[in-house]
Amino acid sequence: MYAKQYEITLPADYDMGIIRERVAARGHILDDRAGLALKAYVIRERGVNGSPVNQYAPFYLWNDTAAMSHFLVGGGGFEGIVQAFGRPVVRHWTGIAAEAGPARGALPRAASRRLTPLPAEGLTEAVAAETAALRELAARDGVHTAALAVDPHHWQLLRFVLWAEAVPPGEDATERYEVLHLSAPEPARLDGLPGPA
């Protein structure tokens, strides 16, 4: 599994209805993309759920890195984003674990992301603890999918969770998103990815 996200921060007075219309018209294009586990078309709106910005921030979990590369640089779809918004920085993380939640059959309406620094000492133990915590989180009512991945450039851990309804108020998250659409051609290939022993 490989996680990828780009964040397009928009002006404070931007009409987010434009993004909603874009996703409504184009979101289905990746609904059957080979190699893609899922793409969550997520947004943050300034003043909603504590967001300081208007932002379009699609999040992907890929099963196949060759398919991801084709999407980004091989004419496989990313050029539409570049034409509309310019070329954003694409963040990426190597997958550690992914879990299906009890709400996997529902269409998610919200998502949460948490980024945390990893310690220089006790790295293995810290990742094992986060993987165990992810399994517990994924068993909670309302969870669609929960994923854990690492950025070894910045030594950060990413936890991304799709929720059937709103992100719970007490959820430990650095960002909270609204999900406009979910393309999920191969989510079952994520399930049971081994975390650290």
Protein backbone atom coordinates (compact mmCIF):
# COMPACT_ATOMS: atom_id res chain seq x y z
CA MET A 1 0.00 0.00 0.00
CA TYR A 2 1.14 3.50 -0.79
CA ALA A 3 -0.64 6.65 0.42
CA LYS A 4 -0.67 9.91 -1.50
CA GLN A 5 -2.28 13.31 -0.97
CA TYR A 6 -2.04 16.77 -2.46
CA GLU A 7 -3.53 19.86 -0.86
CA ILE A 8 -4.84 22.71 -2.98
CA THR A 9 -5.41 25.66 -0.66
CA LEU A 10 -7.89 28.12 -2.12
CA PRO A 11 -8.63 31.79 -1.37
CA ALA A 12 -10.63 32.57 1.78
CA ASP A 13 -13.60 33.78 -0.30
CA TYR A 14 -13.45 30.90 -2.80
CA ASP A 15 -16.83 29.38 -3.68
CA MET A 16 -16.40 25.74 -2.61
CA GLY A 17 -19.47 24.95 -4.72
CA ILE A 18 -17.06 24.97 -7.67
CA ILE A 19 -15.13 22.05 -6.14
CA ARG A 20 -18.35 20.25 -5.29
CA GLU A 21 -19.49 20.57 -8.92
CA ARG A 22 -16.09 19.41 -10.19
CA VAL A 23 -16.22 16.28 -8.03
CA ALA A 24 -19.85 15.59 -8.95
CA ALA A 25 -18.95 15.75 -12.64
CA ARG A 26 -15.58 13.99 -12.57
CA GLY A 27 -15.36 11.90 -9.39
CA HIS A 28 -16.60 8.72 -11.03
CA ILE A 29 -13.62 8.62 -13.44
CA LEU A 30 -11.49 6.60 -10.99
CA ASP A 31 -14.28 4.34 -9.74
CA ASP A 32 -12.77 1.37 -11.61
CA ARG A 33 -9.06 2.37 -11.81
CA ALA A 34 -6.83 -0.71 -11.66
CA GLY A 35 -4.25 -0.57 -8.89
CA LEU A 36 -6.18 1.98 -6.82
CA ALA A 37 -7.57 0.81 -3.50
CA LEU A 38 -9.45 4.05 -2.88
CA LYS A 39 -9.51 7.77 -3.50
CA ALA A 40 -11.37 10.02 -1.09
CA TYR A 41 -12.31 13.36 -2.64
CA VAL A 42 -12.05 15.46 0.49
CA ILE A 43 -12.37 19.15 1.26
CA ARG A 44 -12.00 21.51 4.18
CA GLU A 45 -14.08 24.67 4.33
CA ARG A 46 -12.90 27.77 6.15
CA GLY A 47 -14.77 28.08 9.47
CA VAL A 48 -16.21 24.54 9.34
CA ASN A 49 -14.93 21.98 11.89
CA GLY A 50 -12.20 24.41 12.90
CA SER A 51 -10.63 24.68 9.45
CA PRO A 52 -8.69 27.91 8.90
CA VAL A 53 -8.67 27.39 5.10
CA ASN A 54 -10.66 26.39 2.05
CA GLN A 55 -8.89 23.35 0.67
CA TYR A 56 -9.34 20.56 -1.85
CA ALA A 57 -7.15 17.67 -0.65
CA PRO A 58 -7.79 14.32 -2.39
CA PHE A 59 -6.36 11.31 -0.54
CA TYR A 60 -5.37 8.04 -2.23
CA LEU A 61 -4.42 4.55 -1.11
CA TRP A 62 -2.75 2.67 -3.96
CA ASN A 63 -2.25 -1.09 -4.14
CA ASP A 64 0.09 -0.79 -7.14
CA THR A 65 2.87 1.81 -7.28
CA ALA A 66 3.21 1.42 -11.07
CA ALA A 67 -0.44 2.42 -11.43
CA MET A 68 0.18 5.38 -9.12
CA SER A 69 3.17 6.47 -11.21
CA HIS A 70 1.14 6.20 -14.41
CA PHE A 71 -1.56 8.37 -12.83
CA LEU A 72 0.98 11.04 -11.80
CA VAL A 73 3.38 11.23 -14.74
CA GLY A 74 2.22 8.84 -17.45
CA GLY A 75 -0.86 10.66 -18.68
CA GLY A 76 -3.13 8.64 -16.41
CA GLY A 77 -5.24 11.47 -14.99
CA PHE A 78 -3.22 13.91 -12.87
CA GLU A 79 -2.87 16.35 -15.77
CA GLY A 80 -6.48 17.45 -15.11
CA ILE A 81 -5.47 18.75 -11.67
CA VAL A 82 -2.38 20.46 -13.10
CA GLN A 83 -4.44 22.19 -15.81
CA ALA A 84 -7.05 23.41 -13.32
CA PHE A 85 -4.88 24.38 -10.34
CA GLY A 86 -1.19 24.21 -11.31
CA ARG A 87 1.13 21.45 -10.16
CA PRO A 88 0.76 20.89 -6.41
CA VAL A 89 3.27 19.23 -4.12
CA VAL A 90 2.27 15.58 -3.76
CA ARG A 91 2.92 14.11 -0.33
CA HIS A 92 3.39 10.36 -0.10
CA TRP A 93 3.77 7.72 2.57
CA THR A 94 4.73 4.05 2.59
CA GLY A 95 1.93 1.90 3.97
CA ILE A 96 2.21 0.10 7.29
CA ALA A 97 -1.32 -1.19 7.95
CA ALA A 98 -4.90 -0.84 6.71
CA GLU A 99 -8.08 -2.10 8.32
CA ALA A 100 -11.70 -2.34 7.22
CA GLY A 101 -14.17 -0.98 9.73
CA PRO A 102 -17.74 -2.03 10.51
CA ALA A 103 -19.05 0.71 8.18
CA ARG A 104 -17.09 -0.47 5.11
CA GLY A 105 -20.40 -0.97 3.26
CA ALA A 106 -21.51 2.65 3.78
CA LEU A 107 -20.46 5.67 1.77
CA PRO A 108 -18.20 7.74 4.03
CA ARG A 109 -19.15 11.36 4.64
CA ALA A 110 -16.14 12.46 6.69
CA ALA A 111 -12.44 11.76 7.13
CA SER A 112 -9.74 12.56 9.64
CA ARG A 113 -6.00 12.81 9.26
CA ARG A 114 -3.40 12.82 12.01
CA LEU A 115 0.28 13.50 11.40
CA THR A 116 2.70 12.80 14.24
CA PRO A 117 6.49 12.88 14.46
CA LEU A 118 8.24 9.58 15.06
CA PRO A 119 10.88 9.34 17.79
CA ALA A 120 14.52 8.66 16.97
CA GLU A 121 14.69 6.17 19.84
CA GLY A 122 12.17 3.35 20.21
CA LEU A 123 10.91 3.65 16.64
CA THR A 124 9.89 0.00 16.30
CA GLU A 125 7.95 0.07 19.56
CA ALA A 126 6.22 3.35 18.65
CA VAL A 127 5.06 2.01 15.27
CA ALA A 128 3.91 -1.27 16.83
CA ALA A 129 1.85 0.68 19.41
CA GLU A 130 0.31 2.85 16.66
CA THR A 131 -0.52 -0.25 14.60
CA ALA A 132 -2.28 -1.85 17.58
CA ALA A 133 -4.16 1.40 18.22
CA LEU A 134 -5.22 1.48 14.55
CA ARG A 135 -6.73 -2.00 14.86
CA GLU A 136 -8.72 -0.89 17.91
CA LEU A 137 -9.85 2.30 16.16
CA ALA A 138 -10.92 0.37 13.06
CA ALA A 139 -13.28 -1.75 15.16
CA ARG A 140 -15.27 1.31 16.30
CA ASP A 141 -18.77 1.94 15.01
CA GLY A 142 -18.78 4.34 12.08
CA VAL A 143 -15.31 3.54 10.77
CA HIS A 144 -15.18 2.72 7.06
CA THR A 145 -11.40 2.30 6.60
CA ALA A 146 -8.39 3.17 8.74
CA ALA A 147 -4.83 3.34 7.41
CA LEU A 148 -1.39 3.93 8.86
CA ALA A 149 1.65 4.96 6.80
CA VAL A 150 5.10 6.47 7.29
CA ASP A 151 6.97 9.34 5.65
CA PRO A 152 10.64 8.38 6.11
CA HIS A 153 11.83 11.73 4.70
CA HIS A 154 10.28 13.73 7.55
CA TRP A 155 9.89 10.75 9.92
CA GLN A 156 6.18 11.35 10.34
CA LEU A 157 3.40 8.87 10.86
CA LEU A 158 0.11 9.36 9.03
CA ARG A 159 -3.21 8.01 10.28
CA PHE A 160 -6.12 8.48 7.87
CA VAL A 161 -9.64 7.36 8.75
CA LEU A 162 -12.82 7.39 6.68
CA TRP A 163 -16.02 7.75 8.73
CA ALA A 164 -19.59 6.88 7.72
CA GLU A 165 -20.86 10.06 9.37
CA ALA A 166 -19.07 12.95 11.10
CA VAL A 167 -15.63 12.60 12.67
CA PRO A 168 -16.33 12.04 16.40
CA PRO A 169 -15.76 15.22 18.46
CA GLY A 170 -13.04 13.68 20.64
CA GLU A 171 -11.11 12.11 17.76
CA ASP A 172 -7.39 12.92 17.83
CA ALA A 173 -6.96 14.50 14.38
CA THR A 174 -4.88 17.30 12.94
CA GLU A 175 -7.34 17.74 10.03
CA ARG A 176 -11.03 16.94 9.57
CA TYR A 177 -12.51 16.66 6.11
CA GLU A 178 -15.82 16.33 4.35
CA VAL A 179 -15.87 13.48 1.82
CA LEU A 180 -17.56 14.47 -1.45
CA HIS A 181 -17.07 11.14 -3.25
CA LEU A 182 -15.23 7.86 -2.75
CA SER A 183 -13.75 5.87 -5.62
CA ALA A 184 -12.98 2.42 -4.22
CA PRO A 185 -12.14 -0.05 -6.98
CA GLU A 186 -9.91 -2.37 -4.90
CA PRO A 187 -10.40 -1.74 -1.15
CA ALA A 188 -10.35 -5.42 -0.21
CA ARG A 189 -6.70 -5.71 -1.29
CA LEU A 190 -5.82 -3.37 1.60
CA ASP A 191 -7.38 -5.49 4.31
CA GLY A 192 -5.08 -7.48 6.51
CA LEU A 193 -1.89 -5.72 5.46
CA PRO A 194 0.64 -6.81 8.05
CA GLY A 195 1.90 -4.24 10.47
CA PRO A 196 5.09 -4.66 12.48
CA ALA A 197 5.30 -7.79 14.61
